[in-house]
Amino acid sequence: GKPFLGICLGMQLLFSTSEEGKTAGLDLVPGRVLQLPTSPGILIPHIGWNALEECRTELLHAGDYMYFVHSYHVVPDDRSCVVATTQHGARFVSAIQKDNLTAFQFHPEKSGKHGLATLERWLELL
């Protein structure tokens, strides 16, 4: 299929189900969307800059700070699609790749030079 880039809610909609409501997701990536866990000192929604970790794709670089605005996170049934994680109280999936799908929980368009470079690298794959 054609390359697809999902950003924030666009990533979450690719999954099967969500705690947020009863409407089914697109089920293009089997898995669930869950509310971020709460813990003392950790604010939900997660708003602000945070580092990418465990990057397993040429699109992303570990240590790059990206801008996040979300209260939910994805939990894929098959973790082989996970290409980056981020820590906010607990570790969550911040990027996936599966077949023609690429999706980010963060907002590359709001993430300054690292986000723009990420979008440029994705466009080069087209």
PDB file of N, CA and C in Angstrom:
ATOM      1  N   GLY A   1       0.803  -1.182   0.000  1.00  0.00           N
ATOM      2  CA  GLY A   1       0.000   0.000   0.000  1.00  0.00           C
ATOM      3  C   GLY A   1       0.855   1.259   0.000  1.00  0.00           C
ATOM      4  N   LYS A   2       0.200   2.354  -0.117  1.00  0.00           N
ATOM      5  CA  LYS A   2       0.865   3.655  -0.112  1.00  0.00           C
ATOM      6  C   LYS A   2       1.403   3.963   1.275  1.00  0.00           C
ATOM      7  N   PRO A   3       2.527   4.667   1.345  1.00  0.00           N
ATOM      8  CA  PRO A   3       3.074   5.049   2.653  1.00  0.00           C
ATOM      9  C   PRO A   3       2.071   5.908   3.425  1.00  0.00           C
ATOM     10  N   PHE A   4       1.988   5.661   4.722  1.00  0.00           N
ATOM     11  CA  PHE A   4       1.060   6.365   5.592  1.00  0.00           C
ATOM     12  C   PHE A   4       1.814   6.816   6.826  1.00  0.00           C
ATOM     13  N   LEU A   5       1.602   8.075   7.217  1.00  0.00           N
ATOM     14  CA  LEU A   5       2.198   8.604   8.446  1.00  0.00           C
ATOM     15  C   LEU A   5       1.080   9.053   9.374  1.00  0.00           C
ATOM     16  N   GLY A   6       1.007   8.434  10.555  1.00  0.00           N
ATOM     17  CA  GLY A   6       0.040   8.816  11.571  1.00  0.00           C
ATOM     18  C   GLY A   6       0.734   9.582  12.680  1.00  0.00           C
ATOM     19  N   ILE A   7       0.130  10.670  13.123  1.00  0.00           N
ATOM     20  CA  ILE A   7       0.713  11.508  14.176  1.00  0.00           C
ATOM     21  C   ILE A   7      -0.287  11.631  15.320  1.00  0.00           C
ATOM     22  N   CYS A   8       0.170  11.326  16.529  1.00  0.00           N
ATOM     23  CA  CYS A   8      -0.601  11.452  17.766  1.00  0.00           C
ATOM     24  C   CYS A   8      -1.877  10.616  17.683  1.00  0.00           C
ATOM     25  N   LEU A   9      -3.053  11.234  17.632  1.00  0.00           N
ATOM     26  CA  LEU A   9      -4.292  10.473  17.518  1.00  0.00           C
ATOM     27  C   LEU A   9      -4.286   9.626  16.251  1.00  0.00           C
ATOM     28  N   GLY A  10      -3.600  10.105  15.204  1.00  0.00           N
ATOM     29  CA  GLY A  10      -3.472   9.339  13.968  1.00  0.00           C
ATOM     30  C   GLY A  10      -2.748   8.023  14.171  1.00  0.00           C
ATOM     31  N   MET A  11      -1.886   7.926  15.175  1.00  0.00           N
ATOM     32  CA  MET A  11      -1.250   6.660  15.541  1.00  0.00           C
ATOM     33  C   MET A  11      -2.244   5.794  16.306  1.00  0.00           C
ATOM     34  N   GLN A  12      -2.932   6.389  17.264  1.00  0.00           N
ATOM     35  CA  GLN A  12      -3.845   5.625  18.114  1.00  0.00           C
ATOM     36  C   GLN A  12      -4.996   5.017  17.309  1.00  0.00           C
ATOM     37  N   LEU A  13      -5.483   5.713  16.300  1.00  0.00           N
ATOM     38  CA  LEU A  13      -6.598   5.220  15.488  1.00  0.00           C
ATOM     39  C   LEU A  13      -6.247   3.971  14.694  1.00  0.00           C
ATOM     40  N   LEU A  14      -4.960   3.707  14.477  1.00  0.00           N
ATOM     41  CA  LEU A  14      -4.537   2.520  13.736  1.00  0.00           C
ATOM     42  C   LEU A  14      -4.787   1.233  14.512  1.00  0.00           C
ATOM     43  N   PHE A  15      -4.978   1.340  15.822  1.00  0.00           N
ATOM     44  CA  PHE A  15      -5.092   0.168  16.690  1.00  0.00           C
ATOM     45  C   PHE A  15      -6.538  -0.329  16.773  1.00  0.00           C
ATOM     46  N   SER A  16      -6.720  -1.485  17.410  1.00  0.00           N
ATOM     47  CA  SER A  16      -8.014  -2.180  17.428  1.00  0.00           C
ATOM     48  C   SER A  16      -9.038  -1.522  18.335  1.00  0.00           C
ATOM     49  N   THR A  17      -8.647  -1.232  19.569  1.00  0.00           N
ATOM     50  CA  THR A  17      -9.590  -0.719  20.563  1.00  0.00           C
ATOM     51  C   THR A  17      -8.924   0.353  21.411  1.00  0.00           C
ATOM     52  N   SER A  18      -9.771   1.139  22.106  1.00  0.00           N
ATOM     53  CA  SER A  18      -9.262   2.179  22.996  1.00  0.00           C
ATOM     54  C   SER A  18     -10.099   2.240  24.260  1.00  0.00           C
ATOM     55  N   GLU A  19      -9.431   2.485  25.371  1.00  0.00           N
ATOM     56  CA  GLU A  19     -10.126   2.724  26.635  1.00  0.00           C
ATOM     57  C   GLU A  19     -10.935   4.013  26.598  1.00  0.00           C
ATOM     58  N   GLU A  20     -10.592   4.897  25.678  1.00  0.00           N
ATOM     59  CA  GLU A  20     -11.213   6.221  25.656  1.00  0.00           C
ATOM     60  C   GLU A  20     -12.685   6.175  25.259  1.00  0.00           C
ATOM     61  N   GLY A  21     -13.088   5.185  24.476  1.00  0.00           N
ATOM     62  CA  GLY A  21     -14.477   5.116  24.038  1.00  0.00           C
ATOM     63  C   GLY A  21     -14.826   3.747  23.498  1.00  0.00           C
ATOM     64  N   LYS A  22     -16.056   3.604  23.052  1.00  0.00           N
ATOM     65  CA  LYS A  22     -16.543   2.313  22.568  1.00  0.00           C
ATOM     66  C   LYS A  22     -16.341   2.127  21.066  1.00  0.00           C
ATOM     67  N   THR A  23     -15.965   3.180  20.355  1.00  0.00           N
ATOM     68  CA  THR A  23     -15.772   3.089  18.916  1.00  0.00           C
ATOM     69  C   THR A  23     -14.504   2.306  18.612  1.00  0.00           C
ATOM     70  N   ALA A  24     -14.615   1.346  17.702  1.00  0.00           N
ATOM     71  CA  ALA A  24     -13.457   0.536  17.323  1.00  0.00           C
ATOM     72  C   ALA A  24     -12.463   1.369  16.529  1.00  0.00           C
ATOM     73  N   GLY A  25     -11.192   1.001  16.652  1.00  0.00           N
ATOM     74  CA  GLY A  25     -10.164   1.614  15.835  1.00  0.00           C
ATOM     75  C   GLY A  25     -10.140   0.974  14.458  1.00  0.00           C
ATOM     76  N   LEU A  26      -9.188   1.368  13.630  1.00  0.00           N
ATOM     77  CA  LEU A  26      -9.066   0.830  12.277  1.00  0.00           C
ATOM     78  C   LEU A  26      -8.555  -0.604  12.262  1.00  0.00           C
ATOM     79  N   ASP A  27      -7.915  -1.048  13.351  1.00  0.00           N
ATOM     80  CA  ASP A  27      -7.407  -2.418  13.492  1.00  0.00           C
ATOM     81  C   ASP A  27      -6.353  -2.757  12.427  1.00  0.00           C
ATOM     82  N   LEU A  28      -5.620  -1.751  11.954  1.00  0.00           N
ATOM     83  CA  LEU A  28      -4.511  -2.000  11.034  1.00  0.00           C
ATOM     84  C   LEU A  28      -3.287  -2.495  11.791  1.00  0.00           C
ATOM     85  N   VAL A  29      -3.215  -2.159  13.070  1.00  0.00           N
ATOM     86  CA  VAL A  29      -2.178  -2.661  13.972  1.00  0.00           C
ATOM     87  C   VAL A  29      -2.921  -3.276  15.163  1.00  0.00           C
ATOM     88  N   PRO A  30      -2.932  -4.599  15.276  1.00  0.00           N
ATOM     89  CA  PRO A  30      -3.640  -5.219  16.397  1.00  0.00           C
ATOM     90  C   PRO A  30      -3.061  -4.758  17.737  1.00  0.00           C
ATOM     91  N   GLY A  31      -3.948  -4.341  18.625  1.00  0.00           N
ATOM     92  CA  GLY A  31      -3.512  -3.886  19.935  1.00  0.00           C
ATOM     93  C   GLY A  31      -4.519  -2.923  20.527  1.00  0.00           C
ATOM     94  N   ARG A  32      -4.145  -2.360  21.675  1.00  0.00           N
ATOM     95  CA  ARG A  32      -5.058  -1.512  22.441  1.00  0.00           C
ATOM     96  C   ARG A  32      -4.447  -0.140  22.670  1.00  0.00           C
ATOM     97  N   VAL A  33      -5.311   0.812  22.959  1.00  0.00           N
ATOM     98  CA  VAL A  33      -4.898   2.147  23.376  1.00  0.00           C
ATOM     99  C   VAL A  33      -5.378   2.313  24.816  1.00  0.00           C
ATOM    100  N   LEU A  34      -4.433   2.558  25.720  1.00  0.00           N
ATOM    101  CA  LEU A  34      -4.723   2.651  27.146  1.00  0.00           C
ATOM    102  C   LEU A  34      -4.356   4.028  27.675  1.00  0.00           C
ATOM    103  N   GLN A  35      -5.005   4.430  28.760  1.00  0.00           N
ATOM    104  CA  GLN A  35      -4.656   5.692  29.410  1.00  0.00           C
ATOM    105  C   GLN A  35      -3.266   5.567  30.026  1.00  0.00           C
ATOM    106  N   LEU A  36      -2.485   6.641  29.929  1.00  0.00           N
ATOM    107  CA  LEU A  36      -1.174   6.650  30.574  1.00  0.00           C
ATOM    108  C   LEU A  36      -1.349   6.408  32.068  1.00  0.00           C
ATOM    109  N   PRO A  37      -0.473   5.605  32.661  1.00  0.00           N
ATOM    110  CA  PRO A  37      -0.589   5.361  34.102  1.00  0.00           C
ATOM    111  C   PRO A  37      -0.244   6.612  34.905  1.00  0.00           C
ATOM    112  N   THR A  38      -0.940   6.784  36.005  1.00  0.00           N
ATOM    113  CA  THR A  38      -0.659   7.912  36.887  1.00  0.00           C
ATOM    114  C   THR A  38       0.272   7.466  38.003  1.00  0.00           C
ATOM    115  N   SER A  39       1.082   8.378  38.444  1.00  0.00           N
ATOM    116  CA  SER A  39       1.955   8.136  39.591  1.00  0.00           C
ATOM    117  C   SER A  39       2.314   9.494  40.185  1.00  0.00           C
ATOM    118  N   PRO A  40       2.743   9.523  41.443  1.00  0.00           N
ATOM    119  CA  PRO A  40       3.066  10.807  42.082  1.00  0.00           C
ATOM    120  C   PRO A  40       4.098  11.604  41.276  1.00  0.00           C
ATOM    121  N   GLY A  41       3.806  12.865  41.050  1.00  0.00           N
ATOM    122  CA  GLY A  41       4.732  13.746  40.348  1.00  0.00           C
ATOM    123  C   GLY A  41       4.667  13.662  38.837  1.00  0.00           C
ATOM    124  N   ILE A  42       3.858  12.761  38.289  1.00  0.00           N
ATOM    125  CA  ILE A  42       3.740  12.603  36.837  1.00  0.00           C
ATOM    126  C   ILE A  42       2.402  13.181  36.399  1.00  0.00           C
ATOM    127  N   LEU A  43       2.454  14.221  35.577  1.00  0.00           N
ATOM    128  CA  LEU A  43       1.236  14.885  35.130  1.00  0.00           C
ATOM    129  C   LEU A  43       0.653  14.201  33.899  1.00  0.00           C
ATOM    130  N   ILE A  44      -0.669  14.047  33.902  1.00  0.00           N
ATOM    131  CA  ILE A  44      -1.405  13.542  32.761  1.00  0.00           C
ATOM    132  C   ILE A  44      -2.455  14.612  32.449  1.00  0.00           C
ATOM    133  N   PRO A  45      -2.562  15.118  31.230  1.00  0.00           N
ATOM    134  CA  PRO A  45      -1.865  14.654  30.045  1.00  0.00           C
ATOM    135  C   PRO A  45      -0.361  14.959  30.064  1.00  0.00           C
ATOM    136  N   HIS A  46       0.349  14.159  29.298  1.00  0.00           N
ATOM    137  CA  HIS A  46       1.785  14.340  29.098  1.00  0.00           C
ATOM    138  C   HIS A  46       1.932  15.437  28.047  1.00  0.00           C
ATOM    139  N   ILE A  47       2.356  16.610  28.487  1.00  0.00           N
ATOM    140  CA  ILE A  47       2.521  17.750  27.584  1.00  0.00           C
ATOM    141  C   ILE A  47       3.935  18.274  27.738  1.00  0.00           C
ATOM    142  N   GLY A  48       4.659  18.314  26.625  1.00  0.00           N
ATOM    143  CA  GLY A  48       5.993  18.896  26.649  1.00  0.00           C
ATOM    144  C   GLY A  48       7.018  18.043  25.933  1.00  0.00           C
ATOM    145  N   TRP A  49       8.263  18.413  26.148  1.00  0.00           N
ATOM    146  CA  TRP A  49       9.399  17.796  25.463  1.00  0.00           C
ATOM    147  C   TRP A  49       9.869  16.560  26.219  1.00  0.00           C
ATOM    148  N   ASN A  50      10.203  15.517  25.456  1.00  0.00           N
ATOM    149  CA  ASN A  50      10.698  14.296  26.066  1.00  0.00           C
ATOM    150  C   ASN A  50      11.575  13.573  25.048  1.00  0.00           C
ATOM    151  N   ALA A  51      12.523  12.794  25.557  1.00  0.00           N
ATOM    152  CA  ALA A  51      13.516  12.142  24.699  1.00  0.00           C
ATOM    153  C   ALA A  51      13.011  10.821  24.136  1.00  0.00           C
ATOM    154  N   LEU A  52      13.416  10.541  22.907  1.00  0.00           N
ATOM    155  CA  LEU A  52      13.190   9.232  22.308  1.00  0.00           C
ATOM    156  C   LEU A  52      14.246   8.268  22.827  1.00  0.00           C
ATOM    157  N   GLU A  53      13.845   7.018  23.038  1.00  0.00           N
ATOM    158  CA  GLU A  53      14.752   5.972  23.501  1.00  0.00           C
ATOM    159  C   GLU A  53      14.562   4.736  22.628  1.00  0.00           C
ATOM    160  N   GLU A  54      15.516   3.849  22.686  1.00  0.00           N
ATOM    161  CA  GLU A  54      15.428   2.542  22.023  1.00  0.00           C
ATOM    162  C   GLU A  54      15.006   2.660  20.560  1.00  0.00           C
ATOM    163  N   CYS A  55      15.569   3.584  19.815  1.00  0.00           N
ATOM    164  CA  CYS A  55      15.186   3.791  18.418  1.00  0.00           C
ATOM    165  C   CYS A  55      15.722   2.660  17.546  1.00  0.00           C
ATOM    166  N   ARG A  56      14.822   2.038  16.783  1.00  0.00           N
ATOM    167  CA  ARG A  56      15.176   0.936  15.893  1.00  0.00           C
ATOM    168  C   ARG A  56      14.772   1.245  14.450  1.00  0.00           C
ATOM    169  N   THR A  57      15.020   2.457  14.021  1.00  0.00           N
ATOM    170  CA  THR A  57      14.715   2.871  12.658  1.00  0.00           C
ATOM    171  C   THR A  57      15.643   4.016  12.280  1.00  0.00           C
ATOM    172  N   GLU A  58      15.919   4.140  10.989  1.00  0.00           N
ATOM    173  CA  GLU A  58      16.766   5.243  10.521  1.00  0.00           C
ATOM    174  C   GLU A  58      16.036   6.582  10.598  1.00  0.00           C
ATOM    175  N   LEU A  59      14.737   6.567  10.809  1.00  0.00           N
ATOM    176  CA  LEU A  59      13.968   7.810  10.889  1.00  0.00           C
ATOM    177  C   LEU A  59      14.205   8.580  12.176  1.00  0.00           C
ATOM    178  N   LEU A  60      14.525   7.867  13.258  1.00  0.00           N
ATOM    179  CA  LEU A  60      14.581   8.474  14.586  1.00  0.00           C
ATOM    180  C   LEU A  60      15.933   8.262  15.233  1.00  0.00           C
ATOM    181  N   HIS A  61      16.308   9.180  16.098  1.00  0.00           N
ATOM    182  CA  HIS A  61      17.587   9.088  16.800  1.00  0.00           C
ATOM    183  C   HIS A  61      17.361   9.144  18.305  1.00  0.00           C
ATOM    184  N   ALA A  62      17.893   8.161  19.003  1.00  0.00           N
ATOM    185  CA  ALA A  62      17.783   8.133  20.462  1.00  0.00           C
ATOM    186  C   ALA A  62      18.386   9.406  21.040  1.00  0.00           C
ATOM    187  N   GLY A  63      17.717   9.963  22.017  1.00  0.00           N
ATOM    188  CA  GLY A  63      18.180  11.192  22.651  1.00  0.00           C
ATOM    189  C   GLY A  63      17.572  12.450  22.068  1.00  0.00           C
ATOM    190  N   ASP A  64      16.989  12.359  20.861  1.00  0.00           N
ATOM    191  CA  ASP A  64      16.313  13.524  20.294  1.00  0.00           C
ATOM    192  C   ASP A  64      15.073  13.831  21.125  1.00  0.00           C
ATOM    193  N   TYR A  65      14.872  15.101  21.415  1.00  0.00           N
ATOM    194  CA  TYR A  65      13.690  15.522  22.170  1.00  0.00           C
ATOM    195  C   TYR A  65      12.580  15.891  21.201  1.00  0.00           C
ATOM    196  N   MET A  66      11.402  15.327  21.442  1.00  0.00           N
ATOM    197  CA  MET A  66      10.219  15.591  20.632  1.00  0.00           C
ATOM    198  C   MET A  66       9.115  16.136  21.531  1.00  0.00           C
ATOM    199  N   TYR A  67       8.131  16.773  20.904  1.00  0.00           N
ATOM    200  CA  TYR A  67       7.041  17.407  21.649  1.00  0.00           C
ATOM    201  C   TYR A  67       5.820  16.484  21.690  1.00  0.00           C
ATOM    202  N   PHE A  68       5.329  16.225  22.896  1.00  0.00           N
ATOM    203  CA  PHE A  68       4.201  15.317  23.125  1.00  0.00           C
ATOM    204  C   PHE A  68       3.018  16.074  23.721  1.00  0.00           C
ATOM    205  N   VAL A  69       1.809  15.652  23.345  1.00  0.00           N
ATOM    206  CA  VAL A  69       0.563  16.117  23.964  1.00  0.00           C
ATOM    207  C   VAL A  69      -0.402  14.933  23.907  1.00  0.00           C
ATOM    208  N   HIS A  70      -0.501  14.155  24.985  1.00  0.00           N
ATOM    209  CA  HIS A  70      -1.391  12.987  24.961  1.00  0.00           C
ATOM    210  C   HIS A  70      -1.671  12.483  26.367  1.00  0.00           C
ATOM    211  N   SER A  71      -2.779  11.752  26.472  1.00  0.00           N
ATOM    212  CA  SER A  71      -3.169  11.105  27.726  1.00  0.00           C
ATOM    213  C   SER A  71      -3.240   9.593  27.580  1.00  0.00           C
ATOM    214  N   TYR A  72      -3.103   9.104  26.339  1.00  0.00           N
ATOM    215  CA  TYR A  72      -3.214   7.676  26.051  1.00  0.00           C
ATOM    216  C   TYR A  72      -1.959   7.195  25.346  1.00  0.00           C
ATOM    217  N   HIS A  73      -1.728   5.884  25.386  1.00  0.00           N
ATOM    218  CA  HIS A  73      -0.575   5.288  24.712  1.00  0.00           C
ATOM    219  C   HIS A  73      -0.992   3.965  24.090  1.00  0.00           C
ATOM    220  N   VAL A  74      -0.264   3.553  23.066  1.00  0.00           N
ATOM    221  CA  VAL A  74      -0.594   2.315  22.352  1.00  0.00           C
ATOM    222  C   VAL A  74       0.135   1.130  22.973  1.00  0.00           C
ATOM    223  N   VAL A  75      -0.533  -0.023  22.914  1.00  0.00           N
ATOM    224  CA  VAL A  75       0.045  -1.287  23.378  1.00  0.00           C
ATOM    225  C   VAL A  75      -0.180  -2.308  22.260  1.00  0.00           C
ATOM    226  N   PRO A  76       0.791  -2.446  21.347  1.00  0.00           N
ATOM    227  CA  PRO A  76       0.615  -3.386  20.242  1.00  0.00           C
ATOM    228  C   PRO A  76       0.678  -4.835  20.726  1.00  0.00           C
ATOM    229  N   ASP A  77      -0.136  -5.699  20.100  1.00  0.00           N
ATOM    230  CA  ASP A  77      -0.078  -7.129  20.413  1.00  0.00           C
ATOM    231  C   ASP A  77       1.284  -7.705  20.036  1.00  0.00           C
ATOM    232  N   ASP A  78       1.825  -7.255  18.908  1.00  0.00           N
ATOM    233  CA  ASP A  78       3.138  -7.707  18.430  1.00  0.00           C
ATOM    234  C   ASP A  78       4.115  -6.537  18.563  1.00  0.00           C
ATOM    235  N   ARG A  79       5.014  -6.637  19.519  1.00  0.00           N
ATOM    236  CA  ARG A  79       5.932  -5.526  19.807  1.00  0.00           C
ATOM    237  C   ARG A  79       7.019  -5.355  18.747  1.00  0.00           C
ATOM    238  N   SER A  80       7.065  -6.217  17.746  1.00  0.00           N
ATOM    239  CA  SER A  80       8.088  -6.058  16.709  1.00  0.00           C
ATOM    240  C   SER A  80       7.874  -4.783  15.898  1.00  0.00           C
ATOM    241  N   CYS A  81       6.687  -4.187  15.957  1.00  0.00           N
ATOM    242  CA  CYS A  81       6.430  -2.938  15.229  1.00  0.00           C
ATOM    243  C   CYS A  81       6.948  -1.715  15.986  1.00  0.00           C
ATOM    244  N   VAL A  82       7.340  -1.878  17.236  1.00  0.00           N
ATOM    245  CA  VAL A  82       7.794  -0.750  18.059  1.00  0.00           C
ATOM    246  C   VAL A  82       9.188  -0.324  17.609  1.00  0.00           C
ATOM    247  N   VAL A  83       9.333   0.948  17.223  1.00  0.00           N
ATOM    248  CA  VAL A  83      10.638   1.438  16.778  1.00  0.00           C
ATOM    249  C   VAL A  83      11.202   2.532  17.675  1.00  0.00           C
ATOM    250  N   ALA A  84      10.427   2.992  18.665  1.00  0.00           N
ATOM    251  CA  ALA A  84      10.948   3.946  19.651  1.00  0.00           C
ATOM    252  C   ALA A  84      10.035   3.949  20.874  1.00  0.00           C
ATOM    253  N   THR A  85      10.645   4.236  22.011  1.00  0.00           N
ATOM    254  CA  THR A  85       9.896   4.373  23.257  1.00  0.00           C
ATOM    255  C   THR A  85      10.297   5.686  23.919  1.00  0.00           C
ATOM    256  N   THR A  86       9.525   6.062  24.921  1.00  0.00           N
ATOM    257  CA  THR A  86       9.789   7.274  25.696  1.00  0.00           C
ATOM    258  C   THR A  86       9.369   7.006  27.130  1.00  0.00           C
ATOM    259  N   GLN A  87      10.018   7.674  28.052  1.00  0.00           N
ATOM    260  CA  GLN A  87       9.736   7.517  29.475  1.00  0.00           C
ATOM    261  C   GLN A  87       8.930   8.708  29.989  1.00  0.00           C
ATOM    262  N   HIS A  88       7.776   8.426  30.609  1.00  0.00           N
ATOM    263  CA  HIS A  88       6.992   9.462  31.312  1.00  0.00           C
ATOM    264  C   HIS A  88       6.295   8.757  32.467  1.00  0.00           C
ATOM    265  N   GLY A  89       6.989   8.619  33.562  1.00  0.00           N
ATOM    266  CA  GLY A  89       6.504   7.809  34.669  1.00  0.00           C
ATOM    267  C   GLY A  89       6.773   6.347  34.406  1.00  0.00           C
ATOM    268  N   ALA A  90       6.284   5.855  33.294  1.00  0.00           N
ATOM    269  CA  ALA A  90       6.558   4.501  32.804  1.00  0.00           C
ATOM    270  C   ALA A  90       6.955   4.625  31.334  1.00  0.00           C
ATOM    271  N   ARG A  91       7.561   3.587  30.804  1.00  0.00           N
ATOM    272  CA  ARG A  91       7.959   3.587  29.396  1.00  0.00           C
ATOM    273  C   ARG A  91       6.726   3.332  28.526  1.00  0.00           C
ATOM    274  N   PHE A  92       6.583   4.109  27.449  1.00  0.00           N
ATOM    275  CA  PHE A  92       5.485   3.893  26.506  1.00  0.00           C
ATOM    276  C   PHE A  92       6.026   3.915  25.081  1.00  0.00           C
ATOM    277  N   VAL A  93       5.249   3.374  24.164  1.00  0.00           N
ATOM    278  CA  VAL A  93       5.613   3.323  22.747  1.00  0.00           C
ATOM    279  C   VAL A  93       5.433   4.713  22.153  1.00  0.00           C
ATOM    280  N   SER A  94       6.503   5.255  21.572  1.00  0.00           N
ATOM    281  CA  SER A  94       6.404   6.584  20.966  1.00  0.00           C
ATOM    282  C   SER A  94       6.471   6.557  19.440  1.00  0.00           C
ATOM    283  N   ALA A  95       6.791   5.390  18.840  1.00  0.00           N
ATOM    284  CA  ALA A  95       6.779   5.275  17.379  1.00  0.00           C
ATOM    285  C   ALA A  95       6.656   3.809  16.984  1.00  0.00           C
ATOM    286  N   ILE A  96       5.938   3.583  15.884  1.00  0.00           N
ATOM    287  CA  ILE A  96       5.802   2.235  15.334  1.00  0.00           C
ATOM    288  C   ILE A  96       6.033   2.276  13.828  1.00  0.00           C
ATOM    289  N   GLN A  97       6.407   1.124  13.272  1.00  0.00           N
ATOM    290  CA  GLN A  97       6.443   0.920  11.826  1.00  0.00           C
ATOM    291  C   GLN A  97       5.941  -0.490  11.559  1.00  0.00           C
ATOM    292  N   LYS A  98       4.993  -0.596  10.623  1.00  0.00           N
ATOM    293  CA  LYS A  98       4.458  -1.902  10.222  1.00  0.00           C
ATOM    294  C   LYS A  98       4.068  -1.800   8.760  1.00  0.00           C
ATOM    295  N   ASP A  99       4.721  -2.594   7.935  1.00  0.00           N
ATOM    296  CA  ASP A  99       4.463  -2.562   6.497  1.00  0.00           C
ATOM    297  C   ASP A  99       4.599  -1.121   5.991  1.00  0.00           C
ATOM    298  N   ASN A 100       3.551  -0.566   5.385  1.00  0.00           N
ATOM    299  CA  ASN A 100       3.617   0.796   4.838  1.00  0.00           C
ATOM    300  C   ASN A 100       3.254   1.866   5.868  1.00  0.00           C
ATOM    301  N   LEU A 101       2.976   1.452   7.109  1.00  0.00           N
ATOM    302  CA  LEU A 101       2.544   2.389   8.151  1.00  0.00           C
ATOM    303  C   LEU A 101       3.711   2.847   9.012  1.00  0.00           C
ATOM    304  N   THR A 102       3.805   4.140   9.217  1.00  0.00           N
ATOM    305  CA  THR A 102       4.706   4.731  10.204  1.00  0.00           C
ATOM    306  C   THR A 102       3.838   5.633  11.067  1.00  0.00           C
ATOM    307  N   ALA A 103       4.060   5.590  12.380  1.00  0.00           N
ATOM    308  CA  ALA A 103       3.236   6.434  13.246  1.00  0.00           C
ATOM    309  C   ALA A 103       4.034   6.881  14.457  1.00  0.00           C
ATOM    310  N   PHE A 104       3.786   8.122  14.858  1.00  0.00           N
ATOM    311  CA  PHE A 104       4.467   8.737  16.003  1.00  0.00           C
ATOM    312  C   PHE A 104       3.438   9.190  17.029  1.00  0.00           C
ATOM    313  N   GLN A 105       3.714   8.969  18.306  1.00  0.00           N
ATOM    314  CA  GLN A 105       2.876   9.537  19.359  1.00  0.00           C
ATOM    315  C   GLN A 105       3.182  11.026  19.532  1.00  0.00           C
ATOM    316  N   PHE A 106       4.389  11.433  19.233  1.00  0.00           N
ATOM    317  CA  PHE A 106       4.800  12.835  19.356  1.00  0.00           C
ATOM    318  C   PHE A 106       4.389  13.614  18.106  1.00  0.00           C
ATOM    319  N   HIS A 107       4.558  14.917  18.184  1.00  0.00           N
ATOM    320  CA  HIS A 107       4.242  15.815  17.071  1.00  0.00           C
ATOM    321  C   HIS A 107       5.545  16.273  16.417  1.00  0.00           C
ATOM    322  N   PRO A 108       5.962  15.652  15.311  1.00  0.00           N
ATOM    323  CA  PRO A 108       7.203  16.102  14.668  1.00  0.00           C
ATOM    324  C   PRO A 108       7.097  17.532  14.149  1.00  0.00           C
ATOM    325  N   GLU A 109       5.901  17.931  13.743  1.00  0.00           N
ATOM    326  CA  GLU A 109       5.708  19.278  13.192  1.00  0.00           C
ATOM    327  C   GLU A 109       5.856  20.358  14.254  1.00  0.00           C
ATOM    328  N   LYS A 110       5.836  19.971  15.539  1.00  0.00           N
ATOM    329  CA  LYS A 110       6.011  20.920  16.644  1.00  0.00           C
ATOM    330  C   LYS A 110       7.320  20.683  17.388  1.00  0.00           C
ATOM    331  N   SER A 111       8.179  19.825  16.830  1.00  0.00           N
ATOM    332  CA  SER A 111       9.374  19.377  17.556  1.00  0.00           C
ATOM    333  C   SER A 111      10.666  20.005  17.069  1.00  0.00           C
ATOM    334  N   GLY A 112      10.583  21.192  16.477  1.00  0.00           N
ATOM    335  CA  GLY A 112      11.792  21.903  16.087  1.00  0.00           C
ATOM    336  C   GLY A 112      12.619  21.158  15.063  1.00  0.00           C
ATOM    337  N   LYS A 113      13.936  21.365  15.116  1.00  0.00           N
ATOM    338  CA  LYS A 113      14.826  20.817  14.085  1.00  0.00           C
ATOM    339  C   LYS A 113      14.810  19.294  14.053  1.00  0.00           C
ATOM    340  N   HIS A 114      14.697  18.631  15.197  1.00  0.00           N
ATOM    341  CA  HIS A 114      14.680  17.162  15.198  1.00  0.00           C
ATOM    342  C   HIS A 114      13.401  16.630  14.555  1.00  0.00           C
ATOM    343  N   GLY A 115      12.289  17.277  14.833  1.00  0.00           N
ATOM    344  CA  GLY A 115      11.029  16.861  14.234  1.00  0.00           C
ATOM    345  C   GLY A 115      11.006  17.090  12.736  1.00  0.00           C
ATOM    346  N   LEU A 116      11.496  18.246  12.301  1.00  0.00           N
ATOM    347  CA  LEU A 116      11.532  18.532  10.866  1.00  0.00           C
ATOM    348  C   LEU A 116      12.477  17.586  10.145  1.00  0.00           C
ATOM    349  N   ALA A 117      13.606  17.261  10.758  1.00  0.00           N
ATOM    350  CA  ALA A 117      14.537  16.303  10.155  1.00  0.00           C
ATOM    351  C   ALA A 117      13.889  14.923  10.051  1.00  0.00           C
ATOM    352  N   THR A 118      13.100  14.550  11.049  1.00  0.00           N
ATOM    353  CA  THR A 118      12.386  13.269  11.012  1.00  0.00           C
ATOM    354  C   THR A 118      11.407  13.242   9.843  1.00  0.00           C
ATOM    355  N   LEU A 119      10.650  14.313   9.660  1.00  0.00           N
ATOM    356  CA  LEU A 119       9.711  14.379   8.538  1.00  0.00           C
ATOM    357  C   LEU A 119      10.442  14.335   7.202  1.00  0.00           C
ATOM    358  N   GLU A 120      11.581  15.012   7.104  1.00  0.00           N
ATOM    359  CA  GLU A 120      12.367  14.976   5.866  1.00  0.00           C
ATOM    360  C   GLU A 120      12.847  13.561   5.572  1.00  0.00           C
ATOM    361  N   ARG A 121      13.320  12.849   6.596  1.00  0.00           N
ATOM    362  CA  ARG A 121      13.772  11.467   6.386  1.00  0.00           C
ATOM    363  C   ARG A 121      12.611  10.580   5.944  1.00  0.00           C
ATOM    364  N   TRP A 122      11.412  10.784   6.522  1.00  0.00           N
ATOM    365  CA  TRP A 122      10.253   9.989   6.118  1.00  0.00           C
ATOM    366  C   TRP A 122       9.896  10.286   4.659  1.00  0.00           C
ATOM    367  N   LEU A 123       9.929  11.559   4.270  1.00  0.00           N
ATOM    368  CA  LEU A 123       9.612  11.921   2.887  1.00  0.00           C
ATOM    369  C   LEU A 123      10.603  11.310   1.903  1.00  0.00           C
ATOM    370  N   GLU A 124      11.857  11.161   2.308  1.00  0.00           N
ATOM    371  CA  GLU A 124      12.865  10.551   1.435  1.00  0.00           C
ATOM    372  C   GLU A 124      12.551   9.085   1.149  1.00  0.00           C
ATOM    373  N   LEU A 125      11.775   8.434   2.018  1.00  0.00           N
ATOM    374  CA  LEU A 125      11.410   7.033   1.807  1.00  0.00           C
ATOM    375  C   LEU A 125      10.310   6.867   0.764  1.00  0.00           C
ATOM    376  N   LEU A 126       9.633   7.961   0.403  1.00  0.00           N
ATOM    377  CA  LEU A 126       8.509   7.871  -0.546  1.00  0.00           C
ATOM    378  C   LEU A 126       8.975   7.558  -1.944  1.00  0.00           C
TER     379      LEU A 126
END
